[in-house]
Amino acid sequence: MKVAEDAVLLRIFMGESDKIKGKPVYEAIVKEARRLDMAGATVLKGVLGFGADSRMHSAKLLTISEDLPVIIEIVDREEKIAKLMPFIDEHVVEGLVTKETVHIIKYRHP
């Protein structure tokens, strides 16, 4: 079965070294999204990037970077994304958050 609808894509750009009580912020965000019964979340780890400070972060063998770029993507209804935003506001100290309307197609087993 195929179901189409509009939703919101939330993207959070940050560094993998950002922590809350010794644990990665990206992990805390995904756990909070799960606690809020959101549709799903994915964490993507970048191999190269830079942010507002223009400092390069790289996964090259000769360069040891302990702060590679991380992107968390969450797609859900606007109301659900709104419930997660206070947690993001509290725990993302440095980063970038984008929200965009997307058209999603869900494929489900009948």
PDB file of N, CA and C in Angstrom:
ATOM      1  N   MET A   1       0.840  -1.176   0.000  1.00  0.00           N
ATOM      2  CA  MET A   1       0.000   0.000   0.000  1.00  0.00           C
ATOM      3  C   MET A   1       0.885   1.239   0.000  1.00  0.00           C
ATOM      4  N   LYS A   2       0.463   2.252  -0.723  1.00  0.00           N
ATOM      5  CA  LYS A   2       1.224   3.491  -0.876  1.00  0.00           C
ATOM      6  C   LYS A   2       0.372   4.652  -0.355  1.00  0.00           C
ATOM      7  N   VAL A   3       0.946   5.452   0.578  1.00  0.00           N
ATOM      8  CA  VAL A   3       0.234   6.588   1.153  1.00  0.00           C
ATOM      9  C   VAL A   3       1.102   7.834   0.985  1.00  0.00           C
ATOM     10  N   ALA A   4       0.522   8.904   0.431  1.00  0.00           N
ATOM     11  CA  ALA A   4       1.259  10.158   0.239  1.00  0.00           C
ATOM     12  C   ALA A   4       0.660  11.233   1.141  1.00  0.00           C
ATOM     13  N   GLU A   5       1.519  12.078   1.686  1.00  0.00           N
ATOM     14  CA  GLU A   5       1.060  13.189   2.524  1.00  0.00           C
ATOM     15  C   GLU A   5       2.181  14.217   2.659  1.00  0.00           C
ATOM     16  N   ASP A   6       1.840  15.387   3.180  1.00  0.00           N
ATOM     17  CA  ASP A   6       2.840  16.413   3.441  1.00  0.00           C
ATOM     18  C   ASP A   6       3.334  16.289   4.873  1.00  0.00           C
ATOM     19  N   ALA A   7       4.588  16.628   5.076  1.00  0.00           N
ATOM     20  CA  ALA A   7       5.203  16.541   6.396  1.00  0.00           C
ATOM     21  C   ALA A   7       6.294  17.604   6.485  1.00  0.00           C
ATOM     22  N   VAL A   8       7.053  17.569   7.585  1.00  0.00           N
ATOM     23  CA  VAL A   8       8.160  18.495   7.787  1.00  0.00           C
ATOM     24  C   VAL A   8       9.445  17.684   7.949  1.00  0.00           C
ATOM     25  N   LEU A   9      10.483  18.129   7.258  1.00  0.00           N
ATOM     26  CA  LEU A   9      11.813  17.545   7.415  1.00  0.00           C
ATOM     27  C   LEU A   9      12.614  18.478   8.310  1.00  0.00           C
ATOM     28  N   LEU A  10      13.045  17.955   9.451  1.00  0.00           N
ATOM     29  CA  LEU A  10      13.885  18.693  10.385  1.00  0.00           C
ATOM     30  C   LEU A  10      15.305  18.171  10.221  1.00  0.00           C
ATOM     31  N   ARG A  11      16.246  19.081   9.968  1.00  0.00           N
ATOM     32  CA  ARG A  11      17.662  18.705   9.863  1.00  0.00           C
ATOM     33  C   ARG A  11      18.434  19.482  10.904  1.00  0.00           C
ATOM     34  N   ILE A  12      19.260  18.779  11.640  1.00  0.00           N
ATOM     35  CA  ILE A  12      20.086  19.403  12.667  1.00  0.00           C
ATOM     36  C   ILE A  12      21.542  19.121  12.305  1.00  0.00           C
ATOM     37  N   PHE A  13      22.302  20.184  12.044  1.00  0.00           N
ATOM     38  CA  PHE A  13      23.720  20.082  11.696  1.00  0.00           C
ATOM     39  C   PHE A  13      24.522  20.410  12.942  1.00  0.00           C
ATOM     40  N   MET A  14      25.433  19.532  13.324  1.00  0.00           N
ATOM     41  CA  MET A  14      26.239  19.758  14.513  1.00  0.00           C
ATOM     42  C   MET A  14      27.519  18.939  14.423  1.00  0.00           C
ATOM     43  N   GLY A  15      28.343  19.034  15.456  1.00  0.00           N
ATOM     44  CA  GLY A  15      29.563  18.243  15.522  1.00  0.00           C
ATOM     45  C   GLY A  15      29.348  17.000  16.366  1.00  0.00           C
ATOM     46  N   GLU A  16      30.034  15.924  16.003  1.00  0.00           N
ATOM     47  CA  GLU A  16      29.847  14.678  16.741  1.00  0.00           C
ATOM     48  C   GLU A  16      30.389  14.743  18.165  1.00  0.00           C
ATOM     49  N   SER A  17      31.233  15.715  18.470  1.00  0.00           N
ATOM     50  CA  SER A  17      31.813  15.789  19.813  1.00  0.00           C
ATOM     51  C   SER A  17      30.921  16.530  20.810  1.00  0.00           C
ATOM     52  N   ASP A  18      29.802  17.109  20.348  1.00  0.00           N
ATOM     53  CA  ASP A  18      28.883  17.796  21.259  1.00  0.00           C
ATOM     54  C   ASP A  18      28.276  16.769  22.221  1.00  0.00           C
ATOM     55  N   LYS A  19      28.315  17.084  23.514  1.00  0.00           N
ATOM     56  CA  LYS A  19      27.896  16.120  24.544  1.00  0.00           C
ATOM     57  C   LYS A  19      26.864  16.695  25.508  1.00  0.00           C
ATOM     58  N   ILE A  20      26.069  15.786  26.075  1.00  0.00           N
ATOM     59  CA  ILE A  20      25.182  16.053  27.208  1.00  0.00           C
ATOM     60  C   ILE A  20      25.516  14.984  28.241  1.00  0.00           C
ATOM     61  N   LYS A  21      26.010  15.385  29.390  1.00  0.00           N
ATOM     62  CA  LYS A  21      26.370  14.440  30.458  1.00  0.00           C
ATOM     63  C   LYS A  21      27.250  13.306  29.932  1.00  0.00           C
ATOM     64  N   GLY A  22      28.214  13.660  29.080  1.00  0.00           N
ATOM     65  CA  GLY A  22      29.164  12.683  28.568  1.00  0.00           C
ATOM     66  C   GLY A  22      28.691  11.862  27.387  1.00  0.00           C
ATOM     67  N   LYS A  23      27.445  12.022  26.971  1.00  0.00           N
ATOM     68  CA  LYS A  23      26.916  11.258  25.834  1.00  0.00           C
ATOM     69  C   LYS A  23      26.668  12.199  24.660  1.00  0.00           C
ATOM     70  N   PRO A  24      26.753  11.681  23.430  1.00  0.00           N
ATOM     71  CA  PRO A  24      26.557  12.531  22.260  1.00  0.00           C
ATOM     72  C   PRO A  24      25.173  13.176  22.222  1.00  0.00           C
ATOM     73  N   VAL A  25      25.133  14.460  21.861  1.00  0.00           N
ATOM     74  CA  VAL A  25      23.857  15.178  21.753  1.00  0.00           C
ATOM     75  C   VAL A  25      22.980  14.511  20.695  1.00  0.00           C
ATOM     76  N   TYR A  26      23.580  14.055  19.582  1.00  0.00           N
ATOM     77  CA  TYR A  26      22.778  13.432  18.533  1.00  0.00           C
ATOM     78  C   TYR A  26      22.039  12.202  19.052  1.00  0.00           C
ATOM     79  N   GLU A  27      22.681  11.463  19.942  1.00  0.00           N
ATOM     80  CA  GLU A  27      22.039  10.283  20.528  1.00  0.00           C
ATOM     81  C   GLU A  27      20.859  10.693  21.415  1.00  0.00           C
ATOM     82  N   ALA A  28      21.046  11.741  22.196  1.00  0.00           N
ATOM     83  CA  ALA A  28      19.979  12.232  23.075  1.00  0.00           C
ATOM     84  C   ALA A  28      18.785  12.721  22.253  1.00  0.00           C
ATOM     85  N   ILE A  29      19.055  13.383  21.126  1.00  0.00           N
ATOM     86  CA  ILE A  29      17.970  13.882  20.276  1.00  0.00           C
ATOM     87  C   ILE A  29      17.179  12.723  19.689  1.00  0.00           C
ATOM     88  N   VAL A  30      17.874  11.701  19.201  1.00  0.00           N
ATOM     89  CA  VAL A  30      17.189  10.540  18.627  1.00  0.00           C
ATOM     90  C   VAL A  30      16.361   9.826  19.699  1.00  0.00           C
ATOM     91  N   LYS A  31      16.905   9.691  20.890  1.00  0.00           N
ATOM     92  CA  LYS A  31      16.149   9.048  21.978  1.00  0.00           C
ATOM     93  C   LYS A  31      14.920   9.868  22.362  1.00  0.00           C
ATOM     94  N   GLU A  32      15.058  11.196  22.360  1.00  0.00           N
ATOM     95  CA  GLU A  32      13.905  12.057  22.667  1.00  0.00           C
ATOM     96  C   GLU A  32      12.853  11.947  21.570  1.00  0.00           C
ATOM     97  N   ALA A  33      13.275  11.885  20.318  1.00  0.00           N
ATOM     98  CA  ALA A  33      12.334  11.712  19.200  1.00  0.00           C
ATOM     99  C   ALA A  33      11.579  10.389  19.349  1.00  0.00           C
ATOM    100  N   ARG A  34      12.283   9.364  19.761  1.00  0.00           N
ATOM    101  CA  ARG A  34      11.635   8.056  19.970  1.00  0.00           C
ATOM    102  C   ARG A  34      10.656   8.121  21.130  1.00  0.00           C
ATOM    103  N   ARG A  35      11.065   8.807  22.218  1.00  0.00           N
ATOM    104  CA  ARG A  35      10.186   8.948  23.385  1.00  0.00           C
ATOM    105  C   ARG A  35       8.900   9.674  23.007  1.00  0.00           C
ATOM    106  N   LEU A  36       9.014  10.641  22.083  1.00  0.00           N
ATOM    107  CA  LEU A  36       7.855  11.395  21.620  1.00  0.00           C
ATOM    108  C   LEU A  36       7.053  10.646  20.553  1.00  0.00           C
ATOM    109  N   ASP A  37       7.445   9.400  20.281  1.00  0.00           N
ATOM    110  CA  ASP A  37       6.742   8.549  19.323  1.00  0.00           C
ATOM    111  C   ASP A  37       6.717   9.158  17.923  1.00  0.00           C
ATOM    112  N   MET A  38       7.857   9.715  17.519  1.00  0.00           N
ATOM    113  CA  MET A  38       7.957  10.298  16.187  1.00  0.00           C
ATOM    114  C   MET A  38       8.143   9.192  15.154  1.00  0.00           C
ATOM    115  N   ALA A  39       7.937   9.537  13.901  1.00  0.00           N
ATOM    116  CA  ALA A  39       7.958   8.548  12.817  1.00  0.00           C
ATOM    117  C   ALA A  39       9.323   7.881  12.658  1.00  0.00           C
ATOM    118  N   GLY A  40      10.405   8.616  12.910  1.00  0.00           N
ATOM    119  CA  GLY A  40      11.744   8.047  12.772  1.00  0.00           C
ATOM    120  C   GLY A  40      12.796   9.133  12.748  1.00  0.00           C
ATOM    121  N   ALA A  41      14.030   8.725  12.948  1.00  0.00           N
ATOM    122  CA  ALA A  41      15.160   9.657  12.933  1.00  0.00           C
ATOM    123  C   ALA A  41      16.381   8.919  12.394  1.00  0.00           C
ATOM    124  N   THR A  42      17.226   9.648  11.686  1.00  0.00           N
ATOM    125  CA  THR A  42      18.457   9.083  11.143  1.00  0.00           C
ATOM    126  C   THR A  42      19.605  10.044  11.420  1.00  0.00           C
ATOM    127  N   VAL A  43      20.738   9.491  11.844  1.00  0.00           N
ATOM    128  CA  VAL A  43      21.948  10.288  12.058  1.00  0.00           C
ATOM    129  C   VAL A  43      22.930   9.939  10.957  1.00  0.00           C
ATOM    130  N   LEU A  44      23.402  10.973  10.266  1.00  0.00           N
ATOM    131  CA  LEU A  44      24.378  10.803   9.188  1.00  0.00           C
ATOM    132  C   LEU A  44      25.690  11.440   9.624  1.00  0.00           C
ATOM    133  N   LYS A  45      26.786  10.723   9.453  1.00  0.00           N
ATOM    134  CA  LYS A  45      28.101  11.236   9.828  1.00  0.00           C
ATOM    135  C   LYS A  45      28.844  11.655   8.570  1.00  0.00           C
ATOM    136  N   GLY A  46      29.295  12.892   8.561  1.00  0.00           N
ATOM    137  CA  GLY A  46      30.003  13.417   7.401  1.00  0.00           C
ATOM    138  C   GLY A  46      31.484  13.066   7.433  1.00  0.00           C
ATOM    139  N   VAL A  47      32.106  13.102   6.270  1.00  0.00           N
ATOM    140  CA  VAL A  47      33.541  12.848   6.178  1.00  0.00           C
ATOM    141  C   VAL A  47      34.335  14.133   6.019  1.00  0.00           C
ATOM    142  N   LEU A  48      33.641  15.225   5.673  1.00  0.00           N
ATOM    143  CA  LEU A  48      34.314  16.500   5.490  1.00  0.00           C
ATOM    144  C   LEU A  48      33.283  17.611   5.607  1.00  0.00           C
ATOM    145  N   GLY A  49      33.655  18.700   6.244  1.00  0.00           N
ATOM    146  CA  GLY A  49      32.740  19.829   6.339  1.00  0.00           C
ATOM    147  C   GLY A  49      33.337  20.962   7.139  1.00  0.00           C
ATOM    148  N   PHE A  50      32.629  22.087   7.157  1.00  0.00           N
ATOM    149  CA  PHE A  50      32.999  23.211   8.009  1.00  0.00           C
ATOM    150  C   PHE A  50      31.732  23.933   8.393  1.00  0.00           C
ATOM    151  N   GLY A  51      31.822  24.669   9.483  1.00  0.00           N
ATOM    152  CA  GLY A  51      30.658  25.389   9.976  1.00  0.00           C
ATOM    153  C   GLY A  51      30.924  26.873  10.051  1.00  0.00           C
ATOM    154  N   ALA A  52      30.250  27.531  10.977  1.00  0.00           N
ATOM    155  CA  ALA A  52      30.314  28.984  11.102  1.00  0.00           C
ATOM    156  C   ALA A  52      31.726  29.491  11.372  1.00  0.00           C
ATOM    157  N   ASP A  53      32.543  28.675  12.054  1.00  0.00           N
ATOM    158  CA  ASP A  53      33.913  29.113  12.356  1.00  0.00           C
ATOM    159  C   ASP A  53      34.872  28.888  11.195  1.00  0.00           C
ATOM    160  N   SER A  54      34.400  28.286  10.105  1.00  0.00           N
ATOM    161  CA  SER A  54      35.170  27.990   8.892  1.00  0.00           C
ATOM    162  C   SER A  54      36.316  27.006   9.110  1.00  0.00           C
ATOM    163  N   ARG A  55      36.367  26.350  10.257  1.00  0.00           N
ATOM    164  CA  ARG A  55      37.387  25.336  10.517  1.00  0.00           C
ATOM    165  C   ARG A  55      36.991  24.024   9.838  1.00  0.00           C
ATOM    166  N   MET A  56      37.913  23.421   9.096  1.00  0.00           N
ATOM    167  CA  MET A  56      37.628  22.177   8.395  1.00  0.00           C
ATOM    168  C   MET A  56      37.625  21.003   9.372  1.00  0.00           C
ATOM    169  N   HIS A  57      36.670  20.111   9.165  1.00  0.00           N
ATOM    170  CA  HIS A  57      36.576  18.874   9.923  1.00  0.00           C
ATOM    171  C   HIS A  57      36.665  17.765   8.887  1.00  0.00           C
ATOM    172  N   SER A  58      37.622  16.859   9.054  1.00  0.00           N
ATOM    173  CA  SER A  58      37.887  15.871   8.019  1.00  0.00           C
ATOM    174  C   SER A  58      38.115  14.495   8.613  1.00  0.00           C
ATOM    175  N   ALA A  59      37.766  13.463   7.849  1.00  0.00           N
ATOM    176  CA  ALA A  59      37.995  12.078   8.255  1.00  0.00           C
ATOM    177  C   ALA A  59      39.162  11.471   7.494  1.00  0.00           C
ATOM    178  N   LYS A  60      40.033  12.291   6.921  1.00  0.00           N
ATOM    179  CA  LYS A  60      41.188  11.778   6.185  1.00  0.00           C
ATOM    180  C   LYS A  60      42.114  11.034   7.146  1.00  0.00           C
ATOM    181  N   LEU A  61      42.817  10.050   6.628  1.00  0.00           N
ATOM    182  CA  LEU A  61      43.690   9.226   7.454  1.00  0.00           C
ATOM    183  C   LEU A  61      44.773  10.022   8.173  1.00  0.00           C
ATOM    184  N   LEU A  62      45.349  11.005   7.502  1.00  0.00           N
ATOM    185  CA  LEU A  62      46.436  11.759   8.101  1.00  0.00           C
ATOM    186  C   LEU A  62      45.950  12.884   9.007  1.00  0.00           C
ATOM    187  N   THR A  63      44.667  13.145   8.967  1.00  0.00           N
ATOM    188  CA  THR A  63      44.092  14.195   9.802  1.00  0.00           C
ATOM    189  C   THR A  63      43.189  13.544  10.839  1.00  0.00           C
ATOM    190  N   ILE A  64      43.478  13.761  12.095  1.00  0.00           N
ATOM    191  CA  ILE A  64      42.624  13.190  13.129  1.00  0.00           C
ATOM    192  C   ILE A  64      41.651  14.263  13.594  1.00  0.00           C
ATOM    193  N   SER A  65      40.394  14.100  13.209  1.00  0.00           N
ATOM    194  CA  SER A  65      39.361  15.027  13.642  1.00  0.00           C
ATOM    195  C   SER A  65      38.414  14.278  14.557  1.00  0.00           C
ATOM    196  N   GLU A  66      38.241  14.788  15.739  1.00  0.00           N
ATOM    197  CA  GLU A  66      37.323  14.160  16.686  1.00  0.00           C
ATOM    198  C   GLU A  66      35.992  14.891  16.695  1.00  0.00           C
ATOM    199  N   ASP A  67      35.781  15.739  15.710  1.00  0.00           N
ATOM    200  CA  ASP A  67      34.544  16.502  15.654  1.00  0.00           C
ATOM    201  C   ASP A  67      34.027  16.538  14.226  1.00  0.00           C
ATOM    202  N   LEU A  68      33.746  15.354  13.676  1.00  0.00           N
ATOM    203  CA  LEU A  68      33.234  15.282  12.319  1.00  0.00           C
ATOM    204  C   LEU A  68      31.802  15.816  12.273  1.00  0.00           C
ATOM    205  N   PRO A  69      31.378  16.296  11.110  1.00  0.00           N
ATOM    206  CA  PRO A  69      30.012  16.805  10.990  1.00  0.00           C
ATOM    207  C   PRO A  69      28.988  15.684  11.162  1.00  0.00           C
ATOM    208  N   VAL A  70      27.891  16.007  11.808  1.00  0.00           N
ATOM    209  CA  VAL A  70      26.791  15.069  11.999  1.00  0.00           C
ATOM    210  C   VAL A  70      25.503  15.789  11.592  1.00  0.00           C
ATOM    211  N   ILE A  71      24.636  15.070  10.880  1.00  0.00           N
ATOM    212  CA  ILE A  71      23.323  15.599  10.520  1.00  0.00           C
ATOM    213  C   ILE A  71      22.276  14.628  11.044  1.00  0.00           C
ATOM    214  N   ILE A  72      21.321  15.159  11.772  1.00  0.00           N
ATOM    215  CA  ILE A  72      20.190  14.357  12.242  1.00  0.00           C
ATOM    216  C   ILE A  72      19.000  14.749  11.376  1.00  0.00           C
ATOM    217  N   GLU A  73      18.344  13.767  10.775  1.00  0.00           N
ATOM    218  CA  GLU A  73      17.161  14.038   9.964  1.00  0.00           C
ATOM    219  C   GLU A  73      15.949  13.362  10.600  1.00  0.00           C
ATOM    220  N   ILE A  74      14.894  14.149  10.743  1.00  0.00           N
ATOM    221  CA  ILE A  74      13.642  13.643  11.305  1.00  0.00           C
ATOM    222  C   ILE A  74      12.516  14.149  10.422  1.00  0.00           C
ATOM    223  N   VAL A  75      11.645  13.244   9.994  1.00  0.00           N
ATOM    224  CA  VAL A  75      10.495  13.621   9.186  1.00  0.00           C
ATOM    225  C   VAL A  75       9.238  13.225   9.945  1.00  0.00           C
ATOM    226  N   ASP A  76       8.347  14.186  10.130  1.00  0.00           N
ATOM    227  CA  ASP A  76       7.081  13.908  10.816  1.00  0.00           C
ATOM    228  C   ASP A  76       6.125  15.069  10.568  1.00  0.00           C
ATOM    229  N   ARG A  77       4.952  14.995  11.160  1.00  0.00           N
ATOM    230  CA  ARG A  77       3.988  16.085  11.051  1.00  0.00           C
ATOM    231  C   ARG A  77       4.493  17.302  11.828  1.00  0.00           C
ATOM    232  N   GLU A  78       4.053  18.479  11.423  1.00  0.00           N
ATOM    233  CA  GLU A  78       4.478  19.730  12.053  1.00  0.00           C
ATOM    234  C   GLU A  78       4.247  19.719  13.562  1.00  0.00           C
ATOM    235  N   GLU A  79       3.115  19.186  13.996  1.00  0.00           N
ATOM    236  CA  GLU A  79       2.802  19.166  15.436  1.00  0.00           C
ATOM    237  C   GLU A  79       3.836  18.354  16.222  1.00  0.00           C
ATOM    238  N   LYS A  80       4.273  17.251  15.660  1.00  0.00           N
ATOM    239  CA  LYS A  80       5.263  16.396  16.328  1.00  0.00           C
ATOM    240  C   LYS A  80       6.624  17.082  16.362  1.00  0.00           C
ATOM    241  N   ILE A  81       7.004  17.717  15.252  1.00  0.00           N
ATOM    242  CA  ILE A  81       8.273  18.443  15.197  1.00  0.00           C
ATOM    243  C   ILE A  81       8.260  19.561  16.243  1.00  0.00           C
ATOM    244  N   ALA A  82       7.128  20.245  16.380  1.00  0.00           N
ATOM    245  CA  ALA A  82       6.996  21.337  17.359  1.00  0.00           C
ATOM    246  C   ALA A  82       7.213  20.832  18.787  1.00  0.00           C
ATOM    247  N   LYS A  83       6.796  19.613  19.073  1.00  0.00           N
ATOM    248  CA  LYS A  83       6.991  19.040  20.414  1.00  0.00           C
ATOM    249  C   LYS A  83       8.466  18.752  20.709  1.00  0.00           C
ATOM    250  N   LEU A  84       9.243  18.483  19.662  1.00  0.00           N
ATOM    251  CA  LEU A  84      10.667  18.186  19.829  1.00  0.00           C
ATOM    252  C   LEU A  84      11.518  19.453  19.942  1.00  0.00           C
ATOM    253  N   MET A  85      11.050  20.550  19.381  1.00  0.00           N
ATOM    254  CA  MET A  85      11.863  21.771  19.303  1.00  0.00           C
ATOM    255  C   MET A  85      12.352  22.315  20.653  1.00  0.00           C
ATOM    256  N   PRO A  86      11.580  22.281  21.735  1.00  0.00           N
ATOM    257  CA  PRO A  86      12.119  22.758  23.016  1.00  0.00           C
ATOM    258  C   PRO A  86      13.353  21.959  23.469  1.00  0.00           C
ATOM    259  N   PHE A  87      13.372  20.663  23.205  1.00  0.00           N
ATOM    260  CA  PHE A  87      14.534  19.828  23.533  1.00  0.00           C
ATOM    261  C   PHE A  87      15.738  20.250  22.695  1.00  0.00           C
ATOM    262  N   ILE A  88      15.510  20.503  21.399  1.00  0.00           N
ATOM    263  CA  ILE A  88      16.575  20.957  20.500  1.00  0.00           C
ATOM    264  C   ILE A  88      17.110  22.301  20.998  1.00  0.00           C
ATOM    265  N   ASP A  89      16.198  23.230  21.294  1.00  0.00           N
ATOM    266  CA  ASP A  89      16.603  24.562  21.767  1.00  0.00           C
ATOM    267  C   ASP A  89      17.455  24.482  23.026  1.00  0.00           C
ATOM    268  N   GLU A  90      17.141  23.555  23.895  1.00  0.00           N
ATOM    269  CA  GLU A  90      17.864  23.424  25.164  1.00  0.00           C
ATOM    270  C   GLU A  90      19.233  22.769  25.004  1.00  0.00           C
ATOM    271  N   HIS A  91      19.357  21.808  24.072  1.00  0.00           N
ATOM    272  CA  HIS A  91      20.568  20.984  24.024  1.00  0.00           C
ATOM    273  C   HIS A  91      21.522  21.254  22.864  1.00  0.00           C
ATOM    274  N   VAL A  92      21.075  21.917  21.813  1.00  0.00           N
ATOM    275  CA  VAL A  92      21.984  22.242  20.710  1.00  0.00           C
ATOM    276  C   VAL A  92      22.602  23.604  21.022  1.00  0.00           C
ATOM    277  N   VAL A  93      23.866  23.576  21.431  1.00  0.00           N
ATOM    278  CA  VAL A  93      24.569  24.804  21.817  1.00  0.00           C
ATOM    279  C   VAL A  93      25.152  25.492  20.594  1.00  0.00           C
ATOM    280  N   GLU A  94      25.676  24.689  19.671  1.00  0.00           N
ATOM    281  CA  GLU A  94      26.274  25.234  18.451  1.00  0.00           C
ATOM    282  C   GLU A  94      25.878  24.345  17.292  1.00  0.00           C
ATOM    283  N   GLY A  95      25.286  24.925  16.283  1.00  0.00           N
ATOM    284  CA  GLY A  95      24.857  24.144  15.136  1.00  0.00           C
ATOM    285  C   GLY A  95      23.881  24.926  14.292  1.00  0.00           C
ATOM    286  N   LEU A  96      23.202  24.220  13.424  1.00  0.00           N
ATOM    287  CA  LEU A  96      22.238  24.824  12.517  1.00  0.00           C
ATOM    288  C   LEU A  96      21.042  23.886  12.416  1.00  0.00           C
ATOM    289  N   VAL A  97      19.849  24.447  12.463  1.00  0.00           N
ATOM    290  CA  VAL A  97      18.624  23.660  12.333  1.00  0.00           C
ATOM    291  C   VAL A  97      17.833  24.199  11.147  1.00  0.00           C
ATOM    292  N   THR A  98      17.400  23.295  10.283  1.00  0.00           N
ATOM    293  CA  THR A  98      16.549  23.698   9.160  1.00  0.00           C
ATOM    294  C   THR A  98      15.253  22.901   9.215  1.00  0.00           C
ATOM    295  N   LYS A  99      14.184  23.537   8.760  1.00  0.00           N
ATOM    296  CA  LYS A  99      12.888  22.878   8.643  1.00  0.00           C
ATOM    297  C   LYS A  99      12.355  23.184   7.257  1.00  0.00           C
ATOM    298  N   GLU A 100      11.839  22.159   6.602  1.00  0.00           N
ATOM    299  CA  GLU A 100      11.242  22.390   5.295  1.00  0.00           C
ATOM    300  C   GLU A 100      10.048  21.464   5.100  1.00  0.00           C
ATOM    301  N   THR A 101       9.074  21.952   4.354  1.00  0.00           N
ATOM    302  CA  THR A 101       7.915  21.136   4.032  1.00  0.00           C
ATOM    303  C   THR A 101       8.319  20.152   2.944  1.00  0.00           C
ATOM    304  N   VAL A 102       7.953  18.901   3.143  1.00  0.00           N
ATOM    305  CA  VAL A 102       8.273  17.860   2.168  1.00  0.00           C
ATOM    306  C   VAL A 102       7.020  17.049   1.863  1.00  0.00           C
ATOM    307  N   HIS A 103       7.006  16.457   0.715  1.00  0.00           N
ATOM    308  CA  HIS A 103       5.934  15.539   0.332  1.00  0.00           C
ATOM    309  C   HIS A 103       6.491  14.134   0.499  1.00  0.00           C
ATOM    310  N   ILE A 104       5.884  13.355   1.379  1.00  0.00           N
ATOM    311  CA  ILE A 104       6.403  12.015   1.633  1.00  0.00           C
ATOM    312  C   ILE A 104       5.483  10.954   1.031  1.00  0.00           C
ATOM    313  N   ILE A 105       6.077   9.841   0.707  1.00  0.00           N
ATOM    314  CA  ILE A 105       5.335   8.675   0.221  1.00  0.00           C
ATOM    315  C   ILE A 105       5.736   7.511   1.106  1.00  0.00           C
ATOM    316  N   LYS A 106       4.768   6.954   1.802  1.00  0.00           N
ATOM    317  CA  LYS A 106       5.008   5.809   2.680  1.00  0.00           C
ATOM    318  C   LYS A 106       4.604   4.542   1.946  1.00  0.00           C
ATOM    319  N   TYR A 107       5.461   3.561   2.018  1.00  0.00           N
ATOM    320  CA  TYR A 107       5.143   2.246   1.457  1.00  0.00           C
ATOM    321  C   TYR A 107       4.939   1.314   2.632  1.00  0.00           C
ATOM    322  N   ARG A 108       3.770   0.699   2.692  1.00  0.00           N
ATOM    323  CA  ARG A 108       3.431  -0.176   3.819  1.00  0.00           C
ATOM    324  C   ARG A 108       2.908  -1.494   3.328  1.00  0.00           C
ATOM    325  N   HIS A 109       3.219  -2.505   4.089  1.00  0.00           N
ATOM    326  CA  HIS A 109       2.699  -3.845   3.795  1.00  0.00           C
ATOM    327  C   HIS A 109       1.220  -3.874   4.156  1.00  0.00           C
ATOM    328  N   PRO A 110       0.375  -4.335   3.262  1.00  0.00           N
ATOM    329  CA  PRO A 110      -1.069  -4.316   3.547  1.00  0.00           C
ATOM    330  C   PRO A 110      -1.472  -5.247   4.688  1.00  0.00           C
TER     331      PRO A 110
END
